[in-house]
């Protein structure tokens, strides 16, 4: 690589190989800036043109150097793009952009709120244990019951229970109450 940079072409004051590396640097900077500046892809387009300019400069230096650079771009370009994308997706900036503002701190708070809501719902359902109500739908074994004027998802303790039957809550299972028919 140092030997490549040290070579000069006798036809001009500056070597095309130096310009090739300058264009590579410009393209990397432009692709980095594209992530943060909304340009509808214009900056990325200029980065792509800079890569093309670097390939032209490599070919101007030497055909073999141009072919080697083309092969390197074909092999490592997608790999570097994939690595860059994976790093970007894990960043808080990407989470704000892609997920609508949910970042790690917010995820923890959301998890706590969800857990708290589940515990409150479970406590509310456990308050129905021992109370009686009626089935709104047929429980085969899952359906809807009405207890104290509230419609609640219910699970039949055994088999199925017909609609409009008197039931009693025996337990809470997941987000449902477990019920059985009250003998008449």
Protein backbone atom coordinates (compact mmCIF):
# COMPACT_ATOMS: atom_id res chain seq x y z
CA UNK A 1 0.00 0.00 0.00
CA UNK A 2 2.83 2.41 0.85
CA UNK A 3 4.54 1.46 -2.39
CA UNK A 4 1.31 2.20 -4.24
CA UNK A 5 1.09 5.64 -2.65
CA UNK A 6 4.75 6.36 -3.34
CA UNK A 7 4.45 5.64 -7.07
CA UNK A 8 4.04 8.58 -9.37
CA UNK A 9 2.86 8.88 -12.92
CA UNK A 10 5.23 10.91 -15.08
CA UNK A 11 2.42 12.71 -16.99
CA UNK A 12 1.32 15.13 -14.26
CA UNK A 13 2.10 16.81 -10.98
CA UNK A 14 -0.23 14.66 -8.83
CA UNK A 15 -0.60 10.90 -8.92
CA UNK A 16 -3.99 9.37 -9.69
CA UNK A 17 -3.42 6.89 -6.86
CA UNK A 18 -3.41 9.75 -4.33
CA UNK A 19 -6.65 11.08 -5.81
CA UNK A 20 -8.13 7.58 -5.59
CA UNK A 21 -7.51 7.48 -1.84
CA UNK A 22 -8.73 11.05 -1.45
CA UNK A 23 -11.99 10.09 -3.19
CA UNK A 24 -12.32 7.01 -0.92
CA UNK A 25 -11.95 9.28 2.12
CA UNK A 26 -14.50 11.73 0.73
CA UNK A 27 -16.98 8.92 0.09
CA UNK A 28 -16.60 7.55 3.63
CA UNK A 29 -17.18 11.01 5.10
CA UNK A 30 -20.22 11.56 2.86
CA UNK A 31 -21.77 8.20 3.80
CA UNK A 32 -21.23 8.99 7.49
CA UNK A 33 -22.84 12.43 7.08
CA UNK A 34 -25.80 10.89 5.22
CA UNK A 35 -26.84 9.08 8.40
CA UNK A 36 -27.27 12.34 10.32
CA UNK A 37 -28.33 14.85 7.66
CA UNK A 38 -31.69 14.37 5.95
CA UNK A 39 -30.90 14.85 2.27
CA UNK A 40 -33.22 12.36 0.58
CA UNK A 41 -30.19 10.38 -0.55
CA UNK A 42 -28.38 13.26 -2.28
CA UNK A 43 -25.33 13.02 -0.02
CA UNK A 44 -25.23 9.23 -0.51
CA UNK A 45 -25.40 9.77 -4.27
CA UNK A 46 -22.38 12.10 -4.05
CA UNK A 47 -20.63 9.39 -1.96
CA UNK A 48 -21.37 6.84 -4.68
CA UNK A 49 -20.02 9.21 -7.34
CA UNK A 50 -16.91 9.64 -5.22
CA UNK A 51 -16.41 5.88 -5.19
CA UNK A 52 -16.76 5.81 -8.98
CA UNK A 53 -14.20 8.65 -9.20
CA UNK A 54 -11.79 6.65 -7.03
CA UNK A 55 -12.18 3.64 -9.34
CA UNK A 56 -11.48 5.86 -12.35
CA UNK A 57 -8.36 7.18 -10.60
CA UNK A 58 -7.21 3.63 -9.82
CA UNK A 59 -7.65 2.66 -13.48
CA UNK A 60 -5.81 5.80 -14.58
CA UNK A 61 -2.88 4.73 -12.44
CA UNK A 62 -2.77 1.16 -13.72
CA UNK A 63 -5.23 -1.37 -15.11
CA UNK A 64 -4.23 -4.06 -12.62
CA UNK A 65 -4.63 -1.61 -9.72
CA UNK A 66 -8.06 -0.67 -11.05
CA UNK A 67 -9.12 -4.31 -11.32
CA UNK A 68 -7.84 -5.06 -7.81
CA UNK A 69 -9.69 -2.01 -6.43
CA UNK A 70 -12.86 -3.08 -8.24
CA UNK A 71 -12.61 -6.56 -6.74
CA UNK A 72 -12.03 -5.13 -3.27
CA UNK A 73 -15.05 -2.83 -3.65
CA UNK A 74 -17.22 -5.71 -4.84
CA UNK A 75 -16.19 -7.97 -1.94
CA UNK A 76 -15.77 -5.57 0.97
CA UNK A 77 -18.33 -2.90 0.02
CA UNK A 78 -21.39 -4.98 0.93
CA UNK A 79 -19.64 -6.39 4.00
CA UNK A 80 -18.80 -2.92 5.30
CA UNK A 81 -22.31 -1.69 4.52
CA UNK A 82 -23.79 -4.62 6.46
CA UNK A 83 -21.48 -4.05 9.44
CA UNK A 84 -22.27 -0.33 9.41
CA UNK A 85 -26.00 -1.05 9.28
CA UNK A 86 -25.78 -3.51 12.19
CA UNK A 87 -23.90 -0.97 14.29
CA UNK A 88 -26.31 1.82 13.35
CA UNK A 89 -29.43 -0.26 14.16
CA UNK A 90 -28.14 -0.86 17.70
CA UNK A 91 -27.59 2.86 18.34
CA UNK A 92 -30.04 4.99 20.35
CA UNK A 93 -30.39 7.32 17.34
CA UNK A 94 -31.63 4.49 15.14
CA UNK A 95 -34.02 3.29 17.83
CA UNK A 96 -35.51 6.77 18.02
CA UNK A 97 -35.80 6.98 14.23
CA UNK A 98 -37.07 3.47 13.54
CA UNK A 99 -39.11 2.65 16.63
CA UNK A 100 -40.70 6.04 17.16
CA UNK A 101 -38.75 7.16 20.19
CA UNK A 102 -38.42 3.94 22.17
CA UNK A 103 -34.92 3.65 23.61
CA UNK A 104 -33.50 1.32 26.25
CA UNK A 105 -34.51 3.53 29.18
CA UNK A 106 -38.05 3.76 27.80
CA UNK A 107 -38.14 -0.01 27.27
CA UNK A 108 -37.36 -0.60 30.96
CA UNK A 109 -40.07 1.85 32.01
CA UNK A 110 -42.54 0.27 29.58
CA UNK A 111 -41.72 -3.18 30.98
CA UNK A 112 -42.28 -1.94 34.53
CA UNK A 113 -45.60 -0.31 33.58
CA UNK A 114 -46.70 -3.47 31.80
CA UNK A 115 -45.78 -5.63 34.79
CA UNK A 116 -47.59 -3.23 37.10
CA UNK A 117 -50.71 -3.30 34.89
CA UNK A 118 -50.63 -7.11 34.84
CA UNK A 119 -50.37 -7.24 38.62
CA UNK A 120 -53.25 -4.77 38.99
CA UNK A 121 -55.38 -6.78 36.54
CA UNK A 122 -54.56 -10.00 38.38
CA UNK A 123 -55.50 -8.41 41.73
CA UNK A 124 -58.77 -7.17 40.20
CA UNK A 125 -59.57 -10.64 38.85
CA UNK A 126 -58.64 -12.31 42.16
CA UNK A 127 -61.21 -10.09 43.87
CA UNK A 128 -63.88 -12.03 41.90
CA UNK A 129 -62.90 -15.41 43.44
CA UNK A 130 -65.94 -16.86 45.20
CA UNK A 131 -68.39 -14.49 43.47
CA UNK A 132 -71.18 -15.62 41.21
CA UNK A 133 -72.23 -14.45 37.76
CA UNK A 134 -73.72 -15.73 34.51
CA UNK A 135 -72.22 -16.92 31.26
CA UNK A 136 -72.71 -14.55 28.34
CA UNK A 137 -71.39 -16.97 25.73
CA UNK A 138 -70.89 -20.71 25.67
CA UNK A 139 -67.63 -21.61 27.40
CA UNK A 140 -65.90 -24.27 25.25
CA UNK A 141 -63.84 -24.05 27.52
CA UNK A 142 -63.16 -20.32 26.99
CA UNK A 143 -65.83 -17.67 26.71
CA UNK A 144 -67.25 -14.56 28.34
CA UNK A 145 -69.03 -14.23 31.67
CA UNK A 146 -70.70 -11.31 33.41
CA UNK A 147 -69.82 -10.75 37.05
CA UNK A 148 -71.08 -7.65 38.88
CA UNK A 149 -71.96 -6.08 35.54
CA UNK A 150 -68.47 -6.59 34.04
CA UNK A 151 -67.76 -8.76 31.00
CA UNK A 152 -64.74 -10.93 31.72
CA UNK A 153 -62.95 -13.64 29.77
CA UNK A 154 -63.43 -16.94 31.55
CA UNK A 155 -62.19 -20.50 31.40
CA UNK A 156 -64.49 -23.40 32.27
CA UNK A 157 -63.04 -25.58 34.99
CA UNK A 158 -64.20 -28.74 33.22
CA UNK A 159 -65.79 -29.33 29.84
CA UNK A 160 -68.06 -26.66 28.43
CA UNK A 161 -70.75 -24.48 30.00
CA UNK A 162 -73.85 -23.32 28.14
CA UNK A 163 -74.81 -19.64 27.86
CA UNK A 164 -76.99 -17.97 30.55
CA UNK A 165 -75.91 -20.40 33.29
CA UNK A 166 -75.11 -19.40 36.85
CA UNK A 167 -71.37 -19.76 37.52
CA UNK A 168 -68.94 -19.23 40.39
CA UNK A 169 -65.33 -18.02 40.08
CA UNK A 170 -62.88 -20.54 41.53
CA UNK A 171 -59.44 -19.24 40.48
CA UNK A 172 -57.51 -16.85 38.26
CA UNK A 173 -55.53 -18.29 35.37
CA UNK A 174 -53.38 -15.96 33.20
CA UNK A 175 -55.71 -13.08 32.26
CA UNK A 176 -58.91 -15.07 32.79
CA UNK A 177 -61.03 -16.28 35.65
CA UNK A 178 -61.65 -20.00 36.04
CA UNK A 179 -65.32 -20.80 36.66
CA UNK A 180 -67.64 -23.72 37.36
CA UNK A 181 -71.38 -24.15 37.18
CA UNK A 182 -73.28 -23.48 40.41
CA UNK A 183 -75.53 -26.49 41.07
CA UNK A 184 -79.20 -25.54 41.28
